Amino acid sequence: MRAHGRSGLRLREPELEQWRNGQPPGLDNPLGARALYIHQGNRDTLYRIHGTGEAWTIGKAVSSGCVRLLHQDVIHLAKQVRPGSAIVVI
Protein backbone atom coordinates (compact mmCIF):
# COMPACT_ATOMS: atom_id res chain seq x y z
CA MET A 1 0.00 0.00 0.00
CA ARG A 2 1.21 3.46 -0.76
CA ALA A 3 0.57 6.62 1.16
CA HIS A 4 -1.31 9.32 -0.74
CA GLY A 5 0.72 10.59 -3.65
CA ARG A 6 -0.82 14.04 -3.44
CA SER A 7 1.68 16.76 -2.83
CA GLY A 8 -1.07 18.73 -1.05
CA LEU A 9 -1.41 16.08 1.63
CA ARG A 10 2.36 15.94 2.09
CA LEU A 11 2.42 19.73 2.46
CA ARG A 12 -0.30 19.59 5.14
CA GLU A 13 1.30 16.59 6.86
CA PRO A 14 5.06 16.65 6.11
CA GLU A 15 5.66 13.68 8.44
CA LEU A 16 4.07 11.52 5.72
CA GLU A 17 7.03 12.19 3.39
CA GLN A 18 8.83 9.20 4.92
CA TRP A 19 6.17 7.00 3.33
CA ARG A 20 6.53 8.44 -0.21
CA ASN A 21 7.38 4.98 -1.58
CA GLY A 22 4.87 3.07 0.51
CA GLN A 23 3.88 2.07 4.00
CA PRO A 24 2.66 -1.30 5.27
CA PRO A 25 -1.10 -1.60 5.90
CA GLY A 26 -2.28 -1.40 9.47
CA LEU A 27 -3.51 0.80 12.25
CA ASP A 28 -0.63 3.28 11.89
CA ASN A 29 -1.20 3.69 8.15
CA PRO A 30 -3.37 6.73 7.29
CA LEU A 31 -5.06 4.53 4.66
CA GLY A 32 -5.91 1.93 7.28
CA ALA A 33 -6.03 -1.81 6.84
CA ARG A 34 -6.55 -1.70 3.06
CA ALA A 35 -6.72 0.89 0.29
CA LEU A 36 -8.33 0.51 -3.11
CA TYR A 37 -6.73 2.87 -5.62
CA ILE A 38 -9.19 4.48 -8.04
CA HIS A 39 -8.01 4.84 -11.62
CA GLN A 40 -9.69 6.42 -14.62
CA GLY A 41 -8.40 4.49 -17.60
CA ASN A 42 -4.67 4.09 -16.93
CA ARG A 43 -4.46 7.26 -14.83
CA ASP A 44 -4.41 7.21 -11.02
CA THR A 45 -7.04 9.69 -9.83
CA LEU A 46 -5.23 9.91 -6.46
CA TYR A 47 -8.54 9.04 -4.76
CA ARG A 48 -8.83 5.95 -2.61
CA ILE A 49 -11.38 3.83 -0.83
CA HIS A 50 -9.61 3.07 2.42
CA GLY A 51 -10.00 1.99 6.01
CA THR A 52 -10.18 4.05 9.16
CA GLY A 53 -10.61 3.35 12.83
CA GLU A 54 -12.24 6.75 13.29
CA ALA A 55 -15.88 5.77 12.77
CA TRP A 56 -17.12 9.33 13.39
CA THR A 57 -15.30 10.49 10.22
CA ILE A 58 -17.16 8.16 7.84
CA GLY A 59 -19.39 10.13 5.50
CA LYS A 60 -17.71 13.42 6.43
CA ALA A 61 -15.43 15.59 4.30
CA VAL A 62 -12.33 15.04 6.45
CA SER A 63 -9.88 13.45 4.04
CA SER A 64 -8.36 14.48 0.72
CA GLY A 65 -11.43 13.36 -1.22
CA CYS A 66 -11.20 9.68 -0.34
CA VAL A 67 -14.01 7.38 0.73
CA ARG A 68 -13.49 6.00 4.24
CA LEU A 69 -14.84 2.68 5.49
CA LEU A 70 -14.39 0.85 8.77
CA HIS A 71 -11.36 -1.44 8.68
CA GLN A 72 -13.45 -4.62 8.61
CA ASP A 73 -15.60 -3.24 5.76
CA VAL A 74 -12.68 -2.25 3.53
CA ILE A 75 -10.98 -5.61 4.18
CA HIS A 76 -14.18 -7.38 3.07
CA LEU A 77 -14.55 -5.10 0.02
CA ALA A 78 -10.92 -5.60 -1.02
CA LYS A 79 -11.47 -9.38 -1.05
CA GLN A 80 -14.51 -8.98 -3.34
CA VAL A 81 -13.25 -6.41 -5.87
CA ARG A 82 -11.19 -7.38 -8.90
CA PRO A 83 -8.71 -5.04 -10.62
CA GLY A 84 -10.44 -3.02 -13.31
CA SER A 85 -13.86 -3.14 -11.63
CA ALA A 86 -16.09 -0.13 -12.24
CA ILE A 87 -17.16 1.88 -9.19
CA VAL A 88 -19.88 4.44 -8.54
CA VAL A 89 -19.59 6.72 -5.52
CA ILE A 90 -22.85 8.41 -4.55
PDB file of N, CA and C in Angstrom:
ATOM      1  N   MET A   1       0.839  -1.166   0.000  1.00  0.00           N
ATOM      2  CA  MET A   1       0.000   0.000   0.000  1.00  0.00           C
ATOM      3  C   MET A   1       0.886   1.232   0.000  1.00  0.00           C
ATOM      4  N   ARG A   2       0.454   2.219  -0.689  1.00  0.00           N
ATOM      5  CA  ARG A   2       1.213   3.455  -0.756  1.00  0.00           C
ATOM      6  C   ARG A   2       0.459   4.544  -0.022  1.00  0.00           C
ATOM      7  N   ALA A   3       1.191   5.431   0.572  1.00  0.00           N
ATOM      8  CA  ALA A   3       0.572   6.622   1.161  1.00  0.00           C
ATOM      9  C   ALA A   3       0.101   7.500   0.020  1.00  0.00           C
ATOM     10  N   HIS A   4      -0.796   8.422   0.296  1.00  0.00           N
ATOM     11  CA  HIS A   4      -1.305   9.318  -0.744  1.00  0.00           C
ATOM     12  C   HIS A   4      -0.165   9.944  -1.511  1.00  0.00           C
ATOM     13  N   GLY A   5      -0.292   9.981  -2.814  1.00  0.00           N
ATOM     14  CA  GLY A   5       0.717  10.587  -3.655  1.00  0.00           C
ATOM     15  C   GLY A   5       0.521  12.079  -3.823  1.00  0.00           C
ATOM     16  N   ARG A   6      -0.516  12.629  -3.259  1.00  0.00           N
ATOM     17  CA  ARG A   6      -0.816  14.037  -3.436  1.00  0.00           C
ATOM     18  C   ARG A   6       0.194  14.913  -2.736  1.00  0.00           C
ATOM     19  N   SER A   7       0.739  15.844  -3.462  1.00  0.00           N
ATOM     20  CA  SER A   7       1.683  16.761  -2.834  1.00  0.00           C
ATOM     21  C   SER A   7       0.972  17.628  -1.813  1.00  0.00           C
ATOM     22  N   GLY A   8      -0.322  17.914  -2.002  1.00  0.00           N
ATOM     23  CA  GLY A   8      -1.066  18.728  -1.049  1.00  0.00           C
ATOM     24  C   GLY A   8      -1.130  18.082   0.316  1.00  0.00           C
ATOM     25  N   LEU A   9      -1.358  16.792   0.350  1.00  0.00           N
ATOM     26  CA  LEU A   9      -1.412  16.082   1.628  1.00  0.00           C
ATOM     27  C   LEU A   9      -0.041  16.112   2.291  1.00  0.00           C
ATOM     28  N   ARG A  10       1.009  15.907   1.516  1.00  0.00           N
ATOM     29  CA  ARG A  10       2.361  15.941   2.090  1.00  0.00           C
ATOM     30  C   ARG A  10       2.710  17.335   2.596  1.00  0.00           C
ATOM     31  N   LEU A  11       2.173  18.373   1.964  1.00  0.00           N
ATOM     32  CA  LEU A  11       2.421  19.728   2.458  1.00  0.00           C
ATOM     33  C   LEU A  11       1.697  19.951   3.778  1.00  0.00           C
ATOM     34  N   ARG A  12       0.464  19.430   3.893  1.00  0.00           N
ATOM     35  CA  ARG A  12      -0.297  19.586   5.137  1.00  0.00           C
ATOM     36  C   ARG A  12       0.252  18.710   6.243  1.00  0.00           C
ATOM     37  N   GLU A  13       0.788  17.541   5.881  1.00  0.00           N
ATOM     38  CA  GLU A  13       1.296  16.591   6.860  1.00  0.00           C
ATOM     39  C   GLU A  13       2.683  16.115   6.436  1.00  0.00           C
ATOM     40  N   PRO A  14       3.714  16.970   6.602  1.00  0.00           N
ATOM     41  CA  PRO A  14       5.056  16.646   6.113  1.00  0.00           C
ATOM     42  C   PRO A  14       5.640  15.371   6.706  1.00  0.00           C
ATOM     43  N   GLU A  15       5.151  14.926   7.853  1.00  0.00           N
ATOM     44  CA  GLU A  15       5.665  13.684   8.439  1.00  0.00           C
ATOM     45  C   GLU A  15       5.341  12.472   7.560  1.00  0.00           C
ATOM     46  N   LEU A  16       4.411  12.619   6.618  1.00  0.00           N
ATOM     47  CA  LEU A  16       4.075  11.516   5.717  1.00  0.00           C
ATOM     48  C   LEU A  16       5.110  11.331   4.614  1.00  0.00           C
ATOM     49  N   GLU A  17       6.005  12.282   4.436  1.00  0.00           N
ATOM     50  CA  GLU A  17       7.025  12.185   3.387  1.00  0.00           C
ATOM     51  C   GLU A  17       7.833  10.901   3.510  1.00  0.00           C
ATOM     52  N   GLN A  18       8.055  10.428   4.736  1.00  0.00           N
ATOM     53  CA  GLN A  18       8.832   9.198   4.917  1.00  0.00           C
ATOM     54  C   GLN A  18       8.173   8.006   4.228  1.00  0.00           C
ATOM     55  N   TRP A  19       6.891   8.114   3.943  1.00  0.00           N
ATOM     56  CA  TRP A  19       6.169   6.999   3.326  1.00  0.00           C
ATOM     57  C   TRP A  19       5.943   7.218   1.831  1.00  0.00           C
ATOM     58  N   ARG A  20       6.708   8.126   1.221  1.00  0.00           N
ATOM     59  CA  ARG A  20       6.531   8.437  -0.206  1.00  0.00           C
ATOM     60  C   ARG A  20       6.486   7.181  -1.071  1.00  0.00           C
ATOM     61  N   ASN A  21       7.311   6.192  -0.766  1.00  0.00           N
ATOM     62  CA  ASN A  21       7.382   4.978  -1.578  1.00  0.00           C
ATOM     63  C   ASN A  21       6.597   3.814  -0.995  1.00  0.00           C
ATOM     64  N   GLY A  22       5.740   4.099  -0.025  1.00  0.00           N
ATOM     65  CA  GLY A  22       4.869   3.070   0.511  1.00  0.00           C
ATOM     66  C   GLY A  22       4.992   2.903   2.010  1.00  0.00           C
ATOM     67  N   GLN A  23       3.953   2.344   2.578  1.00  0.00           N
ATOM     68  CA  GLN A  23       3.880   2.067   4.004  1.00  0.00           C
ATOM     69  C   GLN A  23       3.049   0.799   4.171  1.00  0.00           C
ATOM     70  N   PRO A  24       3.436  -0.075   5.080  1.00  0.00           N
ATOM     71  CA  PRO A  24       2.659  -1.298   5.273  1.00  0.00           C
ATOM     72  C   PRO A  24       1.242  -0.978   5.756  1.00  0.00           C
ATOM     73  N   PRO A  25       0.252  -1.814   5.398  1.00  0.00           N
ATOM     74  CA  PRO A  25      -1.101  -1.601   5.896  1.00  0.00           C
ATOM     75  C   PRO A  25      -1.148  -1.808   7.397  1.00  0.00           C
ATOM     76  N   GLY A  26      -2.113  -1.192   8.040  1.00  0.00           N
ATOM     77  CA  GLY A  26      -2.276  -1.399   9.471  1.00  0.00           C
ATOM     78  C   GLY A  26      -2.807  -0.173  10.172  1.00  0.00           C
ATOM     79  N   LEU A  27      -2.891  -0.259  11.466  1.00  0.00           N
ATOM     80  CA  LEU A  27      -3.505   0.800  12.255  1.00  0.00           C
ATOM     81  C   LEU A  27      -2.733   2.108  12.213  1.00  0.00           C
ATOM     82  N   ASP A  28      -1.424   2.055  11.965  1.00  0.00           N
ATOM     83  CA  ASP A  28      -0.627   3.275  11.886  1.00  0.00           C
ATOM     84  C   ASP A  28      -0.614   3.890  10.494  1.00  0.00           C
ATOM     85  N   ASN A  29      -1.160   3.199   9.517  1.00  0.00           N
ATOM     86  CA  ASN A  29      -1.205   3.688   8.148  1.00  0.00           C
ATOM     87  C   ASN A  29      -2.410   4.612   7.999  1.00  0.00           C
ATOM     88  N   PRO A  30      -2.229   5.828   7.463  1.00  0.00           N
ATOM     89  CA  PRO A  30      -3.369   6.733   7.290  1.00  0.00           C
ATOM     90  C   PRO A  30      -4.446   6.158   6.376  1.00  0.00           C
ATOM     91  N   LEU A  31      -4.076   5.176   5.543  1.00  0.00           N
ATOM     92  CA  LEU A  31      -5.056   4.534   4.663  1.00  0.00           C
ATOM     93  C   LEU A  31      -5.668   3.297   5.311  1.00  0.00           C
ATOM     94  N   GLY A  32      -5.288   3.019   6.539  1.00  0.00           N
ATOM     95  CA  GLY A  32      -5.906   1.927   7.281  1.00  0.00           C
ATOM     96  C   GLY A  32      -5.449   0.554   6.859  1.00  0.00           C
ATOM     97  N   ALA A  33      -6.342  -0.400   7.058  1.00  0.00           N
ATOM     98  CA  ALA A  33      -6.032  -1.810   6.844  1.00  0.00           C
ATOM     99  C   ALA A  33      -5.894  -2.159   5.362  1.00  0.00           C
ATOM    100  N   ARG A  34      -6.611  -1.480   4.508  1.00  0.00           N
ATOM    101  CA  ARG A  34      -6.548  -1.700   3.063  1.00  0.00           C
ATOM    102  C   ARG A  34      -6.846  -0.386   2.362  1.00  0.00           C
ATOM    103  N   ALA A  35      -6.389  -0.273   1.119  1.00  0.00           N
ATOM    104  CA  ALA A  35      -6.716   0.891   0.294  1.00  0.00           C
ATOM    105  C   ALA A  35      -6.929   0.415  -1.132  1.00  0.00           C
ATOM    106  N   LEU A  36      -8.037   0.805  -1.710  1.00  0.00           N
ATOM    107  CA  LEU A  36      -8.328   0.513  -3.112  1.00  0.00           C
ATOM    108  C   LEU A  36      -8.048   1.797  -3.893  1.00  0.00           C
ATOM    109  N   TYR A  37      -7.132   1.709  -4.836  1.00  0.00           N
ATOM    110  CA  TYR A  37      -6.732   2.868  -5.622  1.00  0.00           C
ATOM    111  C   TYR A  37      -7.695   3.023  -6.792  1.00  0.00           C
ATOM    112  N   ILE A  38      -8.209   4.221  -6.984  1.00  0.00           N
ATOM    113  CA  ILE A  38      -9.190   4.480  -8.035  1.00  0.00           C
ATOM    114  C   ILE A  38      -8.480   5.072  -9.241  1.00  0.00           C
ATOM    115  N   HIS A  39      -8.612   4.392 -10.365  1.00  0.00           N
ATOM    116  CA  HIS A  39      -8.013   4.845 -11.620  1.00  0.00           C
ATOM    117  C   HIS A  39      -9.115   5.195 -12.608  1.00  0.00           C
ATOM    118  N   GLN A  40      -8.818   6.110 -13.493  1.00  0.00           N
ATOM    119  CA  GLN A  40      -9.692   6.418 -14.622  1.00  0.00           C
ATOM    120  C   GLN A  40      -8.880   6.099 -15.861  1.00  0.00           C
ATOM    121  N   GLY A  41      -9.246   5.005 -16.531  1.00  0.00           N
ATOM    122  CA  GLY A  41      -8.399   4.491 -17.603  1.00  0.00           C
ATOM    123  C   GLY A  41      -7.106   3.998 -16.985  1.00  0.00           C
ATOM    124  N   ASN A  42      -5.977   4.462 -17.486  1.00  0.00           N
ATOM    125  CA  ASN A  42      -4.671   4.086 -16.931  1.00  0.00           C
ATOM    126  C   ASN A  42      -4.114   5.140 -15.979  1.00  0.00           C
ATOM    127  N   ARG A  43      -4.930   6.147 -15.645  1.00  0.00           N
ATOM    128  CA  ARG A  43      -4.462   7.263 -14.828  1.00  0.00           C
ATOM    129  C   ARG A  43      -4.970   7.124 -13.395  1.00  0.00           C
ATOM    130  N   ASP A  44      -4.053   7.219 -12.441  1.00  0.00           N
ATOM    131  CA  ASP A  44      -4.406   7.209 -11.025  1.00  0.00           C
ATOM    132  C   ASP A  44      -5.092   8.528 -10.702  1.00  0.00           C
ATOM    133  N   THR A  45      -6.311   8.464 -10.179  1.00  0.00           N
ATOM    134  CA  THR A  45      -7.042   9.686  -9.827  1.00  0.00           C
ATOM    135  C   THR A  45      -6.542  10.293  -8.521  1.00  0.00           C
ATOM    136  N   LEU A  46      -5.734   9.553  -7.781  1.00  0.00           N
ATOM    137  CA  LEU A  46      -5.230   9.914  -6.462  1.00  0.00           C
ATOM    138  C   LEU A  46      -6.309   9.819  -5.377  1.00  0.00           C
ATOM    139  N   TYR A  47      -7.486   9.316  -5.739  1.00  0.00           N
ATOM    140  CA  TYR A  47      -8.536   9.043  -4.760  1.00  0.00           C
ATOM    141  C   TYR A  47      -8.461   7.585  -4.358  1.00  0.00           C
ATOM    142  N   ARG A  48      -8.885   7.302  -3.146  1.00  0.00           N
ATOM    143  CA  ARG A  48      -8.829   5.949  -2.613  1.00  0.00           C
ATOM    144  C   ARG A  48     -10.113   5.620  -1.872  1.00  0.00           C
ATOM    145  N   ILE A  49     -10.419   4.347  -1.785  1.00  0.00           N
ATOM    146  CA  ILE A  49     -11.384   3.832  -0.830  1.00  0.00           C
ATOM    147  C   ILE A  49     -10.517   3.140   0.195  1.00  0.00           C
ATOM    148  N   HIS A  50     -10.551   3.612   1.438  1.00  0.00           N
ATOM    149  CA  HIS A  50      -9.610   3.072   2.420  1.00  0.00           C
ATOM    150  C   HIS A  50     -10.231   2.961   3.800  1.00  0.00           C
ATOM    151  N   GLY A  51      -9.527   2.237   4.653  1.00  0.00           N
ATOM    152  CA  GLY A  51     -10.002   1.989   6.008  1.00  0.00           C
ATOM    153  C   GLY A  51      -9.668   3.105   6.972  1.00  0.00           C
ATOM    154  N   THR A  52     -10.445   3.137   8.053  1.00  0.00           N
ATOM    155  CA  THR A  52     -10.183   4.051   9.160  1.00  0.00           C
ATOM    156  C   THR A  52     -10.745   3.446  10.435  1.00  0.00           C
ATOM    157  N   GLY A  53     -10.104   3.748  11.532  1.00  0.00           N
ATOM    158  CA  GLY A  53     -10.612   3.352  12.832  1.00  0.00           C
ATOM    159  C   GLY A  53     -11.422   4.473  13.475  1.00  0.00           C
ATOM    160  N   GLU A  54     -11.524   5.592  12.781  1.00  0.00           N
ATOM    161  CA  GLU A  54     -12.245   6.752  13.292  1.00  0.00           C
ATOM    162  C   GLU A  54     -13.656   6.769  12.710  1.00  0.00           C
ATOM    163  N   ALA A  55     -14.521   5.967  13.297  1.00  0.00           N
ATOM    164  CA  ALA A  55     -15.880   5.771  12.774  1.00  0.00           C
ATOM    165  C   ALA A  55     -16.634   7.085  12.597  1.00  0.00           C
ATOM    166  N   TRP A  56     -16.398   8.062  13.461  1.00  0.00           N
ATOM    167  CA  TRP A  56     -17.118   9.329  13.390  1.00  0.00           C
ATOM    168  C   TRP A  56     -16.773  10.131  12.144  1.00  0.00           C
ATOM    169  N   THR A  57     -15.701   9.753  11.418  1.00  0.00           N
ATOM    170  CA  THR A  57     -15.304  10.491  10.219  1.00  0.00           C
ATOM    171  C   THR A  57     -15.956   9.944   8.956  1.00  0.00           C
ATOM    172  N   ILE A  58     -16.567   8.776   9.027  1.00  0.00           N
ATOM    173  CA  ILE A  58     -17.161   8.163   7.835  1.00  0.00           C
ATOM    174  C   ILE A  58     -18.346   9.001   7.373  1.00  0.00           C
ATOM    175  N   GLY A  59     -18.334   9.312   6.083  1.00  0.00           N
ATOM    176  CA  GLY A  59     -19.389  10.134   5.502  1.00  0.00           C
ATOM    177  C   GLY A  59     -19.156  11.630   5.646  1.00  0.00           C
ATOM    178  N   LYS A  60     -18.044  11.997   6.239  1.00  0.00           N
ATOM    179  CA  LYS A  60     -17.710  13.415   6.431  1.00  0.00           C
ATOM    180  C   LYS A  60     -16.577  13.807   5.480  1.00  0.00           C
ATOM    181  N   ALA A  61     -16.493  15.073   5.169  1.00  0.00           N
ATOM    182  CA  ALA A  61     -15.429  15.589   4.297  1.00  0.00           C
ATOM    183  C   ALA A  61     -14.202  15.897   5.146  1.00  0.00           C
ATOM    184  N   VAL A  62     -13.488  14.851   5.577  1.00  0.00           N
ATOM    185  CA  VAL A  62     -12.331  15.042   6.449  1.00  0.00           C
ATOM    186  C   VAL A  62     -11.028  14.584   5.812  1.00  0.00           C
ATOM    187  N   SER A  63     -11.099  13.931   4.671  1.00  0.00           N
ATOM    188  CA  SER A  63      -9.877  13.447   4.036  1.00  0.00           C
ATOM    189  C   SER A  63      -9.607  14.263   2.780  1.00  0.00           C
ATOM    190  N   SER A  64      -8.707  13.789   1.965  1.00  0.00           N
ATOM    191  CA  SER A  64      -8.363  14.481   0.722  1.00  0.00           C
ATOM    192  C   SER A  64      -9.217  13.986  -0.434  1.00  0.00           C
ATOM    193  N   GLY A  65     -10.504  13.781  -0.177  1.00  0.00           N
ATOM    194  CA  GLY A  65     -11.431  13.355  -1.216  1.00  0.00           C
ATOM    195  C   GLY A  65     -11.648  11.864  -1.270  1.00  0.00           C
ATOM    196  N   CYS A  66     -11.067  11.125  -0.352  1.00  0.00           N
ATOM    197  CA  CYS A  66     -11.198   9.678  -0.339  1.00  0.00           C
ATOM    198  C   CYS A  66     -12.512   9.246   0.308  1.00  0.00           C
ATOM    199  N   VAL A  67     -12.849   7.995   0.089  1.00  0.00           N
ATOM    200  CA  VAL A  67     -14.007   7.378   0.728  1.00  0.00           C
ATOM    201  C   VAL A  67     -13.486   6.500   1.850  1.00  0.00           C
ATOM    202  N   ARG A  68     -13.947   6.762   3.067  1.00  0.00           N
ATOM    203  CA  ARG A  68     -13.488   6.002   4.237  1.00  0.00           C
ATOM    204  C   ARG A  68     -14.521   4.952   4.616  1.00  0.00           C
ATOM    205  N   LEU A  69     -14.018   3.780   4.978  1.00  0.00           N
ATOM    206  CA  LEU A  69     -14.836   2.678   5.493  1.00  0.00           C
ATOM    207  C   LEU A  69     -14.195   2.177   6.778  1.00  0.00           C
ATOM    208  N   LEU A  70     -14.984   1.508   7.608  1.00  0.00           N
ATOM    209  CA  LEU A  70     -14.390   0.853   8.765  1.00  0.00           C
ATOM    210  C   LEU A  70     -13.400  -0.194   8.278  1.00  0.00           C
ATOM    211  N   HIS A  71     -12.387  -0.482   9.083  1.00  0.00           N
ATOM    212  CA  HIS A  71     -11.357  -1.444   8.678  1.00  0.00           C
ATOM    213  C   HIS A  71     -11.962  -2.761   8.208  1.00  0.00           C
ATOM    214  N   GLN A  72     -12.891  -3.322   8.984  1.00  0.00           N
ATOM    215  CA  GLN A  72     -13.452  -4.618   8.606  1.00  0.00           C
ATOM    216  C   GLN A  72     -14.229  -4.536   7.290  1.00  0.00           C
ATOM    217  N   ASP A  73     -14.840  -3.386   7.005  1.00  0.00           N
ATOM    218  CA  ASP A  73     -15.598  -3.244   5.763  1.00  0.00           C
ATOM    219  C   ASP A  73     -14.691  -3.126   4.548  1.00  0.00           C
ATOM    220  N   VAL A  74     -13.588  -2.384   4.668  1.00  0.00           N
ATOM    221  CA  VAL A  74     -12.683  -2.250   3.528  1.00  0.00           C
ATOM    222  C   VAL A  74     -11.907  -3.548   3.294  1.00  0.00           C
ATOM    223  N   ILE A  75     -11.617  -4.298   4.344  1.00  0.00           N
ATOM    224  CA  ILE A  75     -10.980  -5.612   4.175  1.00  0.00           C
ATOM    225  C   ILE A  75     -11.915  -6.532   3.397  1.00  0.00           C
ATOM    226  N   HIS A  76     -13.187  -6.545   3.776  1.00  0.00           N
ATOM    227  CA  HIS A  76     -14.178  -7.375   3.073  1.00  0.00           C
ATOM    228  C   HIS A  76     -14.305  -6.934   1.608  1.00  0.00           C
ATOM    229  N   LEU A  77     -14.419  -5.624   1.381  1.00  0.00           N
ATOM    230  CA  LEU A  77     -14.554  -5.105   0.023  1.00  0.00           C
ATOM    231  C   LEU A  77     -13.338  -5.461  -0.824  1.00  0.00           C
ATOM    232  N   ALA A  78     -12.153  -5.317  -0.267  1.00  0.00           N
ATOM    233  CA  ALA A  78     -10.925  -5.602  -1.016  1.00  0.00           C
ATOM    234  C   ALA A  78     -10.863  -7.060  -1.463  1.00  0.00           C
ATOM    235  N   LYS A  79     -11.445  -7.959  -0.678  1.00  0.00           N
ATOM    236  CA  LYS A  79     -11.472  -9.376  -1.053  1.00  0.00           C
ATOM    237  C   LYS A  79     -12.447  -9.641  -2.195  1.00  0.00           C
ATOM    238  N   GLN A  80     -13.454  -8.771  -2.355  1.00  0.00           N
ATOM    239  CA  GLN A  80     -14.511  -8.980  -3.343  1.00  0.00           C
ATOM    240  C   GLN A  80     -14.223  -8.310  -4.690  1.00  0.00           C
ATOM    241  N   VAL A  81     -13.465  -7.231  -4.678  1.00  0.00           N
ATOM    242  CA  VAL A  81     -13.252  -6.414  -5.873  1.00  0.00           C
ATOM    243  C   VAL A  81     -12.079  -6.941  -6.689  1.00  0.00           C
ATOM    244  N   ARG A  82     -12.256  -6.963  -7.979  1.00  0.00           N
ATOM    245  CA  ARG A  82     -11.192  -7.380  -8.898  1.00  0.00           C
ATOM    246  C   ARG A  82     -10.600  -6.156  -9.590  1.00  0.00           C
ATOM    247  N   PRO A  83      -9.309  -6.175  -9.900  1.00  0.00           N
ATOM    248  CA  PRO A  83      -8.710  -5.040 -10.624  1.00  0.00           C
ATOM    249  C   PRO A  83      -9.495  -4.734 -11.898  1.00  0.00           C
ATOM    250  N   GLY A  84      -9.707  -3.452 -12.132  1.00  0.00           N
ATOM    251  CA  GLY A  84     -10.443  -3.019 -13.308  1.00  0.00           C
ATOM    252  C   GLY A  84     -11.943  -2.902 -13.097  1.00  0.00           C
ATOM    253  N   SER A  85     -12.426  -3.247 -11.915  1.00  0.00           N
ATOM    254  CA  SER A  85     -13.859  -3.139 -11.634  1.00  0.00           C
ATOM    255  C   SER A  85     -14.302  -1.686 -11.690  1.00  0.00           C
ATOM    256  N   ALA A  86     -15.502  -1.476 -12.204  1.00  0.00           N
ATOM    257  CA  ALA A  86     -16.087  -0.126 -12.236  1.00  0.00           C
ATOM    258  C   ALA A  86     -16.637   0.195 -10.848  1.00  0.00           C
ATOM    259  N   ILE A  87     -16.569   1.463 -10.462  1.00  0.00           N
ATOM    260  CA  ILE A  87     -17.157   1.881  -9.191  1.00  0.00           C
ATOM    261  C   ILE A  87     -18.043   3.099  -9.418  1.00  0.00           C
ATOM    262  N   VAL A  88     -19.022   3.242  -8.557  1.00  0.00           N
ATOM    263  CA  VAL A  88     -19.880   4.440  -8.539  1.00  0.00           C
ATOM    264  C   VAL A  88     -19.921   4.906  -7.104  1.00  0.00           C
ATOM    265  N   VAL A  89     -19.537   6.133  -6.859  1.00  0.00           N
ATOM    266  CA  VAL A  89     -19.595   6.721  -5.521  1.00  0.00           C
ATOM    267  C   VAL A  89     -20.732   7.729  -5.530  1.00  0.00           C
ATOM    268  N   ILE A  90     -21.679   7.519  -4.627  1.00  0.00           N
ATOM    269  CA  ILE A  90     -22.851   8.412  -4.550  1.00  0.00           C
ATOM    270  C   ILE A  90     -22.779   9.190  -3.259  1.00  0.00           C
TER     271      ILE A  90
END
